[in-house]
């Protein structure tokens, strides 16, 4: 993946944004914007040049449509009296008995259930339903896999339903759930 060298991180309308312009295929450029709260948007259209993608981003900023375009100010932020634990992803430690490695699976289904929105999209614009991290998971939110600033320990980025994630982990990868903190003194 080739990134445009003028990648931006800036504060716009009270939101910290990471603007990524990257090559898609051989001749077109894609635009993705990620907020510090984990909201993201990948434009459906592709652009003939990096400058056209940057112009599209600037148009969104000039029209003051950041919160609308990224899906902010909708479900998650309006639940002021909702238990904040319901708006955090679920993490589960897993182990691979053959490789003697540990993983963490992070699922976003509970966020979708209680907020009505998926918290992040991947570089192709698909809703991310979960991650499989090698070892300890990074702090949430973070950029998607292969995006600038994305965690290096992302093993798999899921865009399928949670039950398909569970099936893949247990049958295809042969990972086993670990018991953690079951005995605390």
Foldseek 3Di string as FASTA:
>chain_A
DAWDPPWDFDQAPNWTKTWTWGDDPDFWIWIKIATPQQQIFTDQDTHRDPVVNVVVVVVCRVVVCVCVRSVHPAFPVVPPVDDVVLQAWDKFKKAQVVVRWIKIKTFRVSNCVRRVDQRHAANNGARFGIWIFTPDDDDPDFHDPPTVRHDPRTPDTDRDDPVVVVCCCCPVVVIGTDDPPPDDD
